[in-house]
Amino acid sequence: MDQARAISRGLSIEGETDKLAFVDAVTAHQSLVFSVAYHILHNATLAEETAQDVFVRLYQDYHRIKSTSHLIHWLRRTTTHRCLDILRHSERHSQISLDDVEIHLPSAQPDQDPILGQTLRRFVAELPAAARAVVVLRFQEDLEPREIAQVLDLPVNTIKSRLQRALIVLRGKLASLEESHHESHRG
């Protein structure tokens, strides 16, 4: 809520009703924006900065938002594109370590192996930015390929092939890890 008030003080939006609606939108969706940004960038500080940028842009374009579903689509799309821009223009993405950060995935099973989850998050973080964005939108945000295609302005088949290639890479890394684990226990 503080983030919404800080943004609204620095800019002008027409009408008190729009201002209140904007504050409500930020309050309702700030965790979605941060979550998408964090899972793509793997850096809490950059995710917070990205969320602020996204909400400033929302404030400027709020008059164009037609419905709640349009708002959610706009937020996911803007956040994802902003993250991809940051990764394209930053050398930091290859230096970010997830070892110091605990990530809680909402879809994770309570009895899931935490070490496997941490390893999988590390492998996802090692994916190229475009593939990582598709994986995050598919499995973190639970979007279908058609919805991801709309968010990223890409053909559905491109999304499907990126997702398929990313899953092949992830399965290969997990299989390699499992194989080396079994070999170390044999010897």
N, C-alpha and C. Protein backbone atom coordinates (compact mmCIF):
# COMPACT_ATOMS: atom_id res chain seq x y z
N MET A 1 0.82 -1.18 0.00
CA MET A 1 0.00 0.00 0.00
C MET A 1 0.87 1.26 0.00
N ASP A 2 1.98 1.24 0.73
CA ASP A 2 2.88 2.39 0.76
C ASP A 2 3.44 2.67 -0.63
N GLN A 3 3.73 1.59 -1.37
CA GLN A 3 4.25 1.74 -2.72
C GLN A 3 3.24 2.48 -3.59
N ALA A 4 1.97 2.12 -3.49
CA ALA A 4 0.92 2.75 -4.28
C ALA A 4 0.78 4.23 -3.94
N ARG A 5 0.84 4.56 -2.65
CA ARG A 5 0.71 5.96 -2.23
C ARG A 5 1.91 6.79 -2.71
N ALA A 6 3.10 6.21 -2.63
CA ALA A 6 4.30 6.93 -3.08
C ALA A 6 4.22 7.23 -4.56
N ILE A 7 3.75 6.27 -5.33
CA ILE A 7 3.62 6.48 -6.78
C ILE A 7 2.57 7.54 -7.05
N SER A 8 1.42 7.43 -6.36
CA SER A 8 0.33 8.36 -6.65
C SER A 8 0.65 9.80 -6.24
N ARG A 9 1.55 10.00 -5.26
CA ARG A 9 1.94 11.35 -4.88
C ARG A 9 2.76 12.03 -5.98
N GLY A 10 3.57 11.26 -6.68
CA GLY A 10 4.49 11.83 -7.66
C GLY A 10 3.88 12.05 -9.03
N LEU A 11 2.74 11.51 -9.30
CA LEU A 11 2.12 11.61 -10.62
C LEU A 11 0.68 12.06 -10.46
N SER A 12 0.05 12.32 -11.56
CA SER A 12 -1.37 12.70 -11.45
C SER A 12 -2.21 11.72 -12.25
N ILE A 13 -3.33 11.36 -11.66
CA ILE A 13 -4.30 10.49 -12.32
C ILE A 13 -5.62 11.24 -12.25
N GLU A 14 -6.43 11.10 -13.25
CA GLU A 14 -7.68 11.86 -13.28
C GLU A 14 -8.70 11.25 -12.35
N GLY A 15 -9.20 12.04 -11.45
CA GLY A 15 -10.31 11.63 -10.60
C GLY A 15 -9.88 10.84 -9.37
N GLU A 16 -10.56 11.08 -8.28
CA GLU A 16 -10.30 10.37 -7.02
C GLU A 16 -10.66 8.90 -7.15
N THR A 17 -11.68 8.58 -7.94
CA THR A 17 -12.10 7.19 -8.14
C THR A 17 -10.99 6.39 -8.80
N ASP A 18 -10.37 6.96 -9.83
CA ASP A 18 -9.25 6.28 -10.50
C ASP A 18 -8.07 6.11 -9.56
N LYS A 19 -7.82 7.12 -8.74
CA LYS A 19 -6.71 7.04 -7.79
C LYS A 19 -6.94 5.90 -6.80
N LEU A 20 -8.13 5.81 -6.27
CA LEU A 20 -8.46 4.73 -5.34
C LEU A 20 -8.39 3.37 -6.03
N ALA A 21 -8.89 3.30 -7.25
CA ALA A 21 -8.83 2.04 -8.00
C ALA A 21 -7.39 1.64 -8.25
N PHE A 22 -6.54 2.61 -8.55
CA PHE A 22 -5.13 2.32 -8.77
C PHE A 22 -4.49 1.78 -7.49
N VAL A 23 -4.74 2.42 -6.37
CA VAL A 23 -4.19 1.97 -5.08
C VAL A 23 -4.67 0.55 -4.79
N ASP A 24 -5.94 0.28 -5.04
CA ASP A 24 -6.48 -1.07 -4.84
C ASP A 24 -5.79 -2.08 -5.76
N ALA A 25 -5.55 -1.67 -7.01
CA ALA A 25 -4.90 -2.57 -7.98
C ALA A 25 -3.48 -2.91 -7.53
N VAL A 26 -2.74 -1.91 -7.06
CA VAL A 26 -1.38 -2.16 -6.58
C VAL A 26 -1.42 -3.10 -5.38
N THR A 27 -2.30 -2.81 -4.44
CA THR A 27 -2.41 -3.64 -3.24
C THR A 27 -2.76 -5.08 -3.60
N ALA A 28 -3.70 -5.24 -4.52
CA ALA A 28 -4.17 -6.58 -4.88
C ALA A 28 -3.14 -7.37 -5.69
N HIS A 29 -2.31 -6.69 -6.47
CA HIS A 29 -1.47 -7.40 -7.44
C HIS A 29 0.03 -7.21 -7.26
N GLN A 30 0.45 -6.54 -6.19
CA GLN A 30 1.89 -6.33 -6.02
C GLN A 30 2.64 -7.64 -5.80
N SER A 31 2.01 -8.61 -5.16
CA SER A 31 2.71 -9.89 -4.96
C SER A 31 2.86 -10.64 -6.28
N LEU A 32 1.89 -10.55 -7.17
CA LEU A 32 1.99 -11.18 -8.49
C LEU A 32 3.16 -10.59 -9.27
N VAL A 33 3.23 -9.25 -9.29
CA VAL A 33 4.29 -8.57 -10.05
C VAL A 33 5.66 -8.92 -9.47
N PHE A 34 5.79 -8.84 -8.15
CA PHE A 34 7.07 -9.16 -7.53
C PHE A 34 7.45 -10.62 -7.79
N SER A 35 6.49 -11.53 -7.67
CA SER A 35 6.75 -12.95 -7.86
C SER A 35 7.26 -13.25 -9.27
N VAL A 36 6.59 -12.70 -10.28
CA VAL A 36 7.04 -12.91 -11.66
C VAL A 36 8.45 -12.34 -11.84
N ALA A 37 8.65 -11.12 -11.37
CA ALA A 37 9.97 -10.48 -11.52
C ALA A 37 11.05 -11.27 -10.78
N TYR A 38 10.74 -11.69 -9.57
CA TYR A 38 11.74 -12.40 -8.78
C TYR A 38 12.11 -13.74 -9.41
N HIS A 39 11.11 -14.47 -9.90
CA HIS A 39 11.40 -15.78 -10.47
C HIS A 39 12.11 -15.70 -11.82
N ILE A 40 12.02 -14.56 -12.48
CA ILE A 40 12.78 -14.39 -13.73
C ILE A 40 14.17 -13.84 -13.43
N LEU A 41 14.25 -12.86 -12.53
CA LEU A 41 15.52 -12.19 -12.25
C LEU A 41 16.35 -12.87 -11.17
N HIS A 42 15.70 -13.58 -10.25
CA HIS A 42 16.39 -14.24 -9.13
C HIS A 42 17.20 -13.25 -8.31
N ASN A 43 16.62 -12.08 -8.10
CA ASN A 43 17.27 -11.05 -7.30
C ASN A 43 16.17 -10.19 -6.70
N ALA A 44 16.05 -10.20 -5.38
CA ALA A 44 14.96 -9.49 -4.71
C ALA A 44 15.01 -7.98 -4.94
N THR A 45 16.20 -7.41 -4.92
CA THR A 45 16.32 -5.97 -5.12
C THR A 45 15.89 -5.57 -6.52
N LEU A 46 16.37 -6.31 -7.53
CA LEU A 46 15.95 -6.02 -8.90
C LEU A 46 14.46 -6.26 -9.08
N ALA A 47 13.91 -7.27 -8.43
CA ALA A 47 12.48 -7.55 -8.53
C ALA A 47 11.67 -6.40 -7.93
N GLU A 48 12.12 -5.86 -6.81
CA GLU A 48 11.42 -4.71 -6.21
C GLU A 48 11.48 -3.49 -7.12
N GLU A 49 12.65 -3.23 -7.69
CA GLU A 49 12.79 -2.10 -8.61
C GLU A 49 11.92 -2.29 -9.84
N THR A 50 11.88 -3.52 -10.33
CA THR A 50 11.05 -3.81 -11.49
C THR A 50 9.57 -3.60 -11.16
N ALA A 51 9.16 -4.06 -9.99
CA ALA A 51 7.76 -3.87 -9.57
C ALA A 51 7.42 -2.38 -9.51
N GLN A 52 8.33 -1.58 -8.97
CA GLN A 52 8.08 -0.14 -8.92
C GLN A 52 7.96 0.45 -10.32
N ASP A 53 8.85 0.04 -11.23
CA ASP A 53 8.77 0.52 -12.61
C ASP A 53 7.44 0.13 -13.25
N VAL A 54 7.02 -1.11 -13.01
CA VAL A 54 5.77 -1.59 -13.60
C VAL A 54 4.59 -0.79 -13.08
N PHE A 55 4.57 -0.51 -11.78
CA PHE A 55 3.44 0.23 -11.23
C PHE A 55 3.47 1.71 -11.63
N VAL A 56 4.64 2.28 -11.85
CA VAL A 56 4.69 3.63 -12.39
C VAL A 56 4.11 3.64 -13.80
N ARG A 57 4.47 2.65 -14.60
CA ARG A 57 3.90 2.55 -15.95
C ARG A 57 2.40 2.32 -15.90
N LEU A 58 1.96 1.50 -14.95
CA LEU A 58 0.52 1.28 -14.79
C LEU A 58 -0.18 2.59 -14.45
N TYR A 59 0.41 3.37 -13.58
CA TYR A 59 -0.19 4.65 -13.20
C TYR A 59 -0.35 5.54 -14.43
N GLN A 60 0.66 5.53 -15.27
CA GLN A 60 0.62 6.37 -16.47
C GLN A 60 -0.40 5.86 -17.48
N ASP A 61 -0.60 4.54 -17.53
CA ASP A 61 -1.50 3.95 -18.53
C ASP A 61 -2.82 3.45 -17.94
N TYR A 62 -3.09 3.81 -16.69
CA TYR A 62 -4.25 3.24 -16.01
C TYR A 62 -5.56 3.50 -16.74
N HIS A 63 -5.67 4.63 -17.40
CA HIS A 63 -6.90 4.97 -18.13
C HIS A 63 -7.19 4.00 -19.29
N ARG A 64 -6.18 3.23 -19.70
CA ARG A 64 -6.36 2.28 -20.81
C ARG A 64 -6.83 0.89 -20.34
N ILE A 65 -6.75 0.63 -19.06
CA ILE A 65 -7.12 -0.68 -18.52
C ILE A 65 -8.64 -0.81 -18.54
N LYS A 66 -9.13 -1.92 -19.12
CA LYS A 66 -10.56 -2.08 -19.34
C LYS A 66 -11.24 -2.98 -18.32
N SER A 67 -10.50 -3.91 -17.73
CA SER A 67 -11.11 -4.87 -16.79
C SER A 67 -10.02 -5.47 -15.92
N THR A 68 -10.45 -6.25 -14.93
CA THR A 68 -9.49 -6.92 -14.05
C THR A 68 -8.64 -7.91 -14.83
N SER A 69 -9.25 -8.68 -15.73
CA SER A 69 -8.47 -9.64 -16.51
C SER A 69 -7.48 -8.92 -17.42
N HIS A 70 -7.86 -7.78 -17.97
CA HIS A 70 -6.95 -6.98 -18.79
C HIS A 70 -5.80 -6.46 -17.92
N LEU A 71 -6.13 -6.03 -16.70
CA LEU A 71 -5.10 -5.55 -15.78
C LEU A 71 -4.08 -6.64 -15.47
N ILE A 72 -4.55 -7.83 -15.15
CA ILE A 72 -3.63 -8.94 -14.82
C ILE A 72 -2.76 -9.28 -16.02
N HIS A 73 -3.37 -9.34 -17.20
CA HIS A 73 -2.60 -9.60 -18.43
C HIS A 73 -1.56 -8.51 -18.62
N TRP A 74 -1.96 -7.24 -18.47
CA TRP A 74 -1.06 -6.11 -18.64
C TRP A 74 0.10 -6.19 -17.66
N LEU A 75 -0.18 -6.51 -16.40
CA LEU A 75 0.86 -6.60 -15.39
C LEU A 75 1.85 -7.72 -15.70
N ARG A 76 1.35 -8.90 -16.05
CA ARG A 76 2.26 -10.01 -16.38
C ARG A 76 3.11 -9.67 -17.59
N ARG A 77 2.48 -9.12 -18.60
CA ARG A 77 3.17 -8.78 -19.84
C ARG A 77 4.25 -7.72 -19.59
N THR A 78 3.87 -6.66 -18.93
CA THR A 78 4.80 -5.56 -18.68
C THR A 78 5.95 -6.02 -17.79
N THR A 79 5.63 -6.77 -16.76
CA THR A 79 6.66 -7.28 -15.85
C THR A 79 7.64 -8.19 -16.58
N THR A 80 7.12 -9.12 -17.35
CA THR A 80 7.98 -10.06 -18.08
C THR A 80 8.88 -9.33 -19.06
N HIS A 81 8.31 -8.41 -19.83
CA HIS A 81 9.12 -7.67 -20.80
C HIS A 81 10.18 -6.81 -20.11
N ARG A 82 9.81 -6.21 -18.98
CA ARG A 82 10.79 -5.39 -18.25
C ARG A 82 11.93 -6.26 -17.73
N CYS A 83 11.60 -7.44 -17.24
CA CYS A 83 12.64 -8.37 -16.75
C CYS A 83 13.56 -8.80 -17.89
N LEU A 84 12.98 -9.12 -19.02
CA LEU A 84 13.80 -9.54 -20.16
C LEU A 84 14.72 -8.39 -20.61
N ASP A 85 14.21 -7.15 -20.57
CA ASP A 85 15.05 -6.00 -20.89
C ASP A 85 16.22 -5.89 -19.91
N ILE A 86 15.93 -6.07 -18.63
CA ILE A 86 16.98 -6.00 -17.61
C ILE A 86 18.03 -7.07 -17.85
N LEU A 87 17.58 -8.29 -18.14
CA LEU A 87 18.54 -9.38 -18.37
C LEU A 87 19.36 -9.16 -19.64
N ARG A 88 18.74 -8.61 -20.66
CA ARG A 88 19.48 -8.33 -21.90
C ARG A 88 20.56 -7.29 -21.69
N HIS A 89 20.29 -6.33 -20.83
CA HIS A 89 21.22 -5.21 -20.66
C HIS A 89 22.10 -5.33 -19.41
N SER A 90 22.10 -6.48 -18.82
CA SER A 90 22.87 -6.63 -17.58
C SER A 90 23.80 -7.83 -17.67
N GLU A 91 25.00 -7.65 -17.19
CA GLU A 91 25.91 -8.78 -17.11
C GLU A 91 25.73 -9.53 -15.81
N ARG A 92 24.93 -8.98 -14.92
CA ARG A 92 24.75 -9.56 -13.59
C ARG A 92 24.00 -10.87 -13.61
N HIS A 93 23.18 -11.15 -14.62
CA HIS A 93 22.33 -12.33 -14.58
C HIS A 93 23.13 -13.63 -14.51
N SER A 94 24.33 -13.63 -15.03
CA SER A 94 25.13 -14.86 -14.95
C SER A 94 25.87 -14.97 -13.61
N GLN A 95 25.88 -13.88 -12.83
CA GLN A 95 26.59 -13.89 -11.56
C GLN A 95 25.67 -14.06 -10.36
N ILE A 96 24.37 -14.08 -10.57
CA ILE A 96 23.42 -14.16 -9.46
C ILE A 96 23.37 -15.58 -8.93
N SER A 97 23.49 -15.72 -7.62
CA SER A 97 23.45 -17.01 -6.98
C SER A 97 22.16 -17.15 -6.19
N LEU A 98 21.55 -18.31 -6.29
CA LEU A 98 20.33 -18.58 -5.53
C LEU A 98 20.63 -19.25 -4.20
N ASP A 99 21.88 -19.52 -3.92
CA ASP A 99 22.23 -20.23 -2.70
C ASP A 99 21.83 -19.46 -1.44
N ASP A 100 21.82 -18.12 -1.51
CA ASP A 100 21.51 -17.30 -0.34
C ASP A 100 20.03 -17.00 -0.21
N VAL A 101 19.22 -17.45 -1.16
CA VAL A 101 17.82 -17.06 -1.19
C VAL A 101 16.93 -18.28 -1.11
N GLU A 102 15.89 -18.18 -0.30
CA GLU A 102 14.90 -19.26 -0.21
C GLU A 102 13.69 -18.83 -1.02
N ILE A 103 13.28 -19.66 -1.96
CA ILE A 103 12.13 -19.36 -2.80
C ILE A 103 11.02 -20.33 -2.42
N HIS A 104 9.82 -19.80 -2.23
CA HIS A 104 8.67 -20.64 -1.94
C HIS A 104 7.74 -20.61 -3.13
N LEU A 105 7.63 -21.73 -3.82
CA LEU A 105 6.74 -21.82 -4.96
C LEU A 105 5.36 -22.21 -4.48
N PRO A 106 4.31 -21.48 -4.89
CA PRO A 106 2.99 -21.80 -4.41
C PRO A 106 2.49 -23.17 -4.84
N SER A 107 2.98 -23.67 -5.98
CA SER A 107 2.52 -24.96 -6.48
C SER A 107 3.32 -26.13 -5.90
N ALA A 108 4.33 -25.83 -5.08
CA ALA A 108 5.18 -26.89 -4.53
C ALA A 108 4.38 -27.74 -3.55
N GLN A 109 4.61 -29.03 -3.60
CA GLN A 109 3.94 -29.96 -2.70
C GLN A 109 4.61 -29.87 -1.33
N PRO A 110 3.83 -29.98 -0.24
CA PRO A 110 4.43 -29.88 1.09
C PRO A 110 5.43 -30.98 1.38
N ASP A 111 5.25 -32.14 0.78
CA ASP A 111 6.17 -33.24 1.04
C ASP A 111 7.28 -33.33 0.00
N GLN A 112 7.40 -32.34 -0.86
CA GLN A 112 8.42 -32.31 -1.90
C GLN A 112 9.80 -32.20 -1.27
N ASP A 113 10.77 -32.86 -1.87
CA ASP A 113 12.14 -32.83 -1.40
C ASP A 113 12.70 -31.41 -1.53
N PRO A 114 13.07 -30.75 -0.42
CA PRO A 114 13.54 -29.37 -0.51
C PRO A 114 14.86 -29.24 -1.27
N ILE A 115 15.70 -30.24 -1.19
CA ILE A 115 16.98 -30.19 -1.92
C ILE A 115 16.73 -30.28 -3.42
N LEU A 116 15.81 -31.15 -3.82
CA LEU A 116 15.46 -31.25 -5.23
C LEU A 116 14.86 -29.94 -5.71
N GLY A 117 13.99 -29.33 -4.90
CA GLY A 117 13.38 -28.05 -5.27
C GLY A 117 14.42 -26.97 -5.44
N GLN A 118 15.38 -26.91 -4.52
CA GLN A 118 16.44 -25.91 -4.60
C GLN A 118 17.31 -26.15 -5.85
N THR A 119 17.60 -27.41 -6.12
CA THR A 119 18.40 -27.74 -7.30
C THR A 119 17.66 -27.37 -8.58
N LEU A 120 16.38 -27.67 -8.61
CA LEU A 120 15.58 -27.33 -9.79
C LEU A 120 15.52 -25.82 -9.99
N ARG A 121 15.35 -25.06 -8.92
CA ARG A 121 15.34 -23.60 -9.03
C ARG A 121 16.67 -23.08 -9.57
N ARG A 122 17.77 -23.70 -9.13
CA ARG A 122 19.09 -23.29 -9.62
C ARG A 122 19.20 -23.58 -11.12
N PHE A 123 18.71 -24.77 -11.54
CA PHE A 123 18.75 -25.11 -12.96
C PHE A 123 17.90 -24.16 -13.80
N VAL A 124 16.73 -23.78 -13.28
CA VAL A 124 15.88 -22.82 -14.00
C VAL A 124 16.59 -21.49 -14.11
N ALA A 125 17.27 -21.07 -13.04
CA ALA A 125 18.00 -19.80 -13.05
C ALA A 125 19.12 -19.80 -14.08
N GLU A 126 19.64 -20.97 -14.43
CA GLU A 126 20.73 -21.08 -15.41
C GLU A 126 20.23 -21.06 -16.85
N LEU A 127 18.92 -21.19 -17.05
CA LEU A 127 18.37 -21.16 -18.40
C LEU A 127 18.56 -19.77 -19.01
N PRO A 128 18.64 -19.70 -20.34
CA PRO A 128 18.67 -18.37 -20.98
C PRO A 128 17.40 -17.59 -20.62
N ALA A 129 17.48 -16.28 -20.66
CA ALA A 129 16.39 -15.42 -20.20
C ALA A 129 15.05 -15.75 -20.86
N ALA A 130 15.03 -15.92 -22.16
CA ALA A 130 13.76 -16.17 -22.86
C ALA A 130 13.14 -17.49 -22.41
N ALA A 131 13.96 -18.52 -22.28
CA ALA A 131 13.45 -19.83 -21.83
C ALA A 131 13.01 -19.75 -20.38
N ARG A 132 13.76 -19.05 -19.56
CA ARG A 132 13.42 -18.90 -18.14
C ARG A 132 12.07 -18.20 -18.00
N ALA A 133 11.84 -17.16 -18.79
CA ALA A 133 10.56 -16.44 -18.73
C ALA A 133 9.40 -17.37 -19.07
N VAL A 134 9.56 -18.20 -20.09
CA VAL A 134 8.50 -19.13 -20.48
C VAL A 134 8.25 -20.15 -19.37
N VAL A 135 9.30 -20.68 -18.78
CA VAL A 135 9.15 -21.67 -17.70
C VAL A 135 8.47 -21.03 -16.49
N VAL A 136 8.87 -19.82 -16.13
CA VAL A 136 8.26 -19.14 -14.98
C VAL A 136 6.79 -18.87 -15.24
N LEU A 137 6.46 -18.36 -16.43
CA LEU A 137 5.06 -18.08 -16.73
C LEU A 137 4.22 -19.35 -16.79
N ARG A 138 4.82 -20.45 -17.24
CA ARG A 138 4.07 -21.70 -17.33
C ARG A 138 3.87 -22.35 -15.96
N PHE A 139 4.93 -22.46 -15.19
CA PHE A 139 4.85 -23.23 -13.96
C PHE A 139 4.67 -22.38 -12.70
N GLN A 140 5.16 -21.17 -12.68
CA GLN A 140 4.96 -20.28 -11.53
C GLN A 140 3.59 -19.61 -11.63
N GLU A 141 3.29 -19.07 -12.81
CA GLU A 141 2.03 -18.35 -13.00
C GLU A 141 0.92 -19.25 -13.54
N ASP A 142 1.25 -20.50 -13.88
CA ASP A 142 0.26 -21.48 -14.33
C ASP A 142 -0.50 -21.02 -15.57
N LEU A 143 0.22 -20.36 -16.49
CA LEU A 143 -0.39 -19.92 -17.73
C LEU A 143 -0.26 -21.00 -18.80
N GLU A 144 -1.24 -21.08 -19.66
CA GLU A 144 -1.20 -21.99 -20.79
C GLU A 144 -0.32 -21.38 -21.88
N PRO A 145 0.22 -22.20 -22.80
CA PRO A 145 1.07 -21.66 -23.87
C PRO A 145 0.42 -20.52 -24.66
N ARG A 146 -0.88 -20.60 -24.89
CA ARG A 146 -1.58 -19.54 -25.62
C ARG A 146 -1.52 -18.22 -24.85
N GLU A 147 -1.67 -18.30 -23.52
CA GLU A 147 -1.61 -17.10 -22.69
C GLU A 147 -0.19 -16.54 -22.63
N ILE A 148 0.79 -17.42 -22.57
CA ILE A 148 2.19 -16.99 -22.57
C ILE A 148 2.52 -16.30 -23.88
N ALA A 149 2.01 -16.84 -24.97
CA ALA A 149 2.23 -16.24 -26.29
C ALA A 149 1.68 -14.81 -26.33
N GLN A 150 0.54 -14.60 -25.70
CA GLN A 150 -0.04 -13.25 -25.65
C GLN A 150 0.82 -12.32 -24.80
N VAL A 151 1.32 -12.82 -23.68
CA VAL A 151 2.14 -12.00 -22.80
C VAL A 151 3.44 -11.60 -23.49
N LEU A 152 4.05 -12.53 -24.21
CA LEU A 152 5.36 -12.28 -24.82
C LEU A 152 5.29 -11.81 -26.27
N ASP A 153 4.08 -11.70 -26.82
CA ASP A 153 3.92 -11.30 -28.23
C ASP A 153 4.67 -12.23 -29.18
N LEU A 154 4.52 -13.52 -28.95
CA LEU A 154 5.17 -14.52 -29.79
C LEU A 154 4.14 -15.54 -30.25
N PRO A 155 4.42 -16.24 -31.35
CA PRO A 155 3.51 -17.30 -31.78
C PRO A 155 3.46 -18.44 -30.75
N VAL A 156 2.31 -19.08 -30.65
CA VAL A 156 2.12 -20.17 -29.69
C VAL A 156 3.14 -21.28 -29.94
N ASN A 157 3.41 -21.60 -31.21
CA ASN A 157 4.37 -22.66 -31.50
C ASN A 157 5.79 -22.31 -31.01
N THR A 158 6.14 -21.05 -31.05
CA THR A 158 7.43 -20.62 -30.52
C THR A 158 7.48 -20.86 -29.02
N ILE A 159 6.39 -20.54 -28.34
CA ILE A 159 6.32 -20.76 -26.89
C ILE A 159 6.43 -22.25 -26.59
N LYS A 160 5.69 -23.06 -27.33
CA LYS A 160 5.72 -24.51 -27.11
C LYS A 160 7.11 -25.07 -27.34
N SER A 161 7.79 -24.62 -28.38
CA SER A 161 9.13 -25.15 -28.65
C SER A 161 10.13 -24.68 -27.61
N ARG A 162 10.03 -23.42 -27.16
CA ARG A 162 10.93 -22.94 -26.11
C ARG A 162 10.70 -23.71 -24.81
N LEU A 163 9.44 -23.95 -24.50
CA LEU A 163 9.11 -24.70 -23.30
C LEU A 163 9.63 -26.13 -23.40
N GLN A 164 9.42 -26.75 -24.55
CA GLN A 164 9.89 -28.12 -24.75
C GLN A 164 11.41 -28.20 -24.64
N ARG A 165 12.12 -27.27 -25.27
CA ARG A 165 13.58 -27.28 -25.20
C ARG A 165 14.07 -27.04 -23.77
N ALA A 166 13.41 -26.12 -23.06
CA ALA A 166 13.80 -25.84 -21.67
C ALA A 166 13.58 -27.07 -20.80
N LEU A 167 12.47 -27.76 -21.00
CA LEU A 167 12.20 -28.96 -20.20
C LEU A 167 13.18 -30.07 -20.52
N ILE A 168 13.58 -30.19 -21.76
CA ILE A 168 14.59 -31.18 -22.14
C ILE A 168 15.91 -30.87 -21.42
N VAL A 169 16.29 -29.59 -21.41
CA VAL A 169 17.52 -29.19 -20.72
C VAL A 169 17.42 -29.49 -19.23
N LEU A 170 16.29 -29.14 -18.62
CA LEU A 170 16.11 -29.37 -17.18
C LEU A 170 16.11 -30.86 -16.85
N ARG A 171 15.41 -31.65 -17.66
CA ARG A 171 15.40 -33.11 -17.43
C ARG A 171 16.81 -33.68 -17.58
N GLY A 172 17.55 -33.19 -18.57
CA GLY A 172 18.92 -33.67 -18.77
C GLY A 172 19.81 -33.35 -17.59
N LYS A 173 19.68 -32.14 -17.06
CA LYS A 173 20.49 -31.77 -15.90
C LYS A 173 20.11 -32.61 -14.67
N LEU A 174 18.81 -32.83 -14.49
CA LEU A 174 18.37 -33.66 -13.35
C LEU A 174 18.84 -35.11 -13.51
N ALA A 175 18.74 -35.63 -14.74
CA ALA A 175 19.19 -37.01 -15.00
C ALA A 175 20.70 -37.13 -14.76
N SER A 176 21.45 -36.14 -15.21
CA SER A 176 22.89 -36.14 -15.01
C SER A 176 23.23 -36.08 -13.53
N LEU A 177 22.50 -35.27 -12.80
CA LEU A 177 22.70 -35.16 -11.36
C LEU A 177 22.39 -36.49 -10.66
N GLU A 178 21.28 -37.10 -11.06
CA GLU A 178 20.89 -38.39 -10.47
C GLU A 178 21.91 -39.47 -10.80
N GLU A 179 22.40 -39.47 -12.02
CA GLU A 179 23.40 -40.45 -12.45
C GLU A 179 24.69 -40.29 -11.64
N SER A 180 25.13 -39.06 -11.46
CA SER A 180 26.37 -38.85 -10.69
C SER A 180 26.15 -39.20 -9.21
N HIS A 181 24.94 -39.00 -8.72
CA HIS A 181 24.61 -39.36 -7.34
C HIS A 181 24.69 -40.87 -7.16
N HIS A 182 24.13 -41.63 -8.11
CA HIS A 182 24.16 -43.09 -8.04
C HIS A 182 25.59 -43.63 -8.15
N GLU A 183 26.40 -43.01 -9.02
CA GLU A 183 27.78 -43.45 -9.18
C GLU A 183 28.59 -43.19 -7.91
N SER A 184 28.33 -42.10 -7.22
CA SER A 184 29.08 -41.80 -6.02
C SER A 184 28.72 -42.75 -4.87
N HIS A 185 27.51 -43.30 -4.90
CA HIS A 185 27.11 -44.25 -3.86
C HIS A 185 27.59 -45.67 -4.16
N ARG A 186 27.89 -45.96 -5.41
CA ARG A 186 28.40 -47.28 -5.77
C ARG A 186 29.86 -47.46 -5.38
N GLY A 187 30.63 -46.40 -5.54
CA GLY A 187 32.08 -46.49 -5.36
C GLY A 187 32.51 -46.18 -4.03
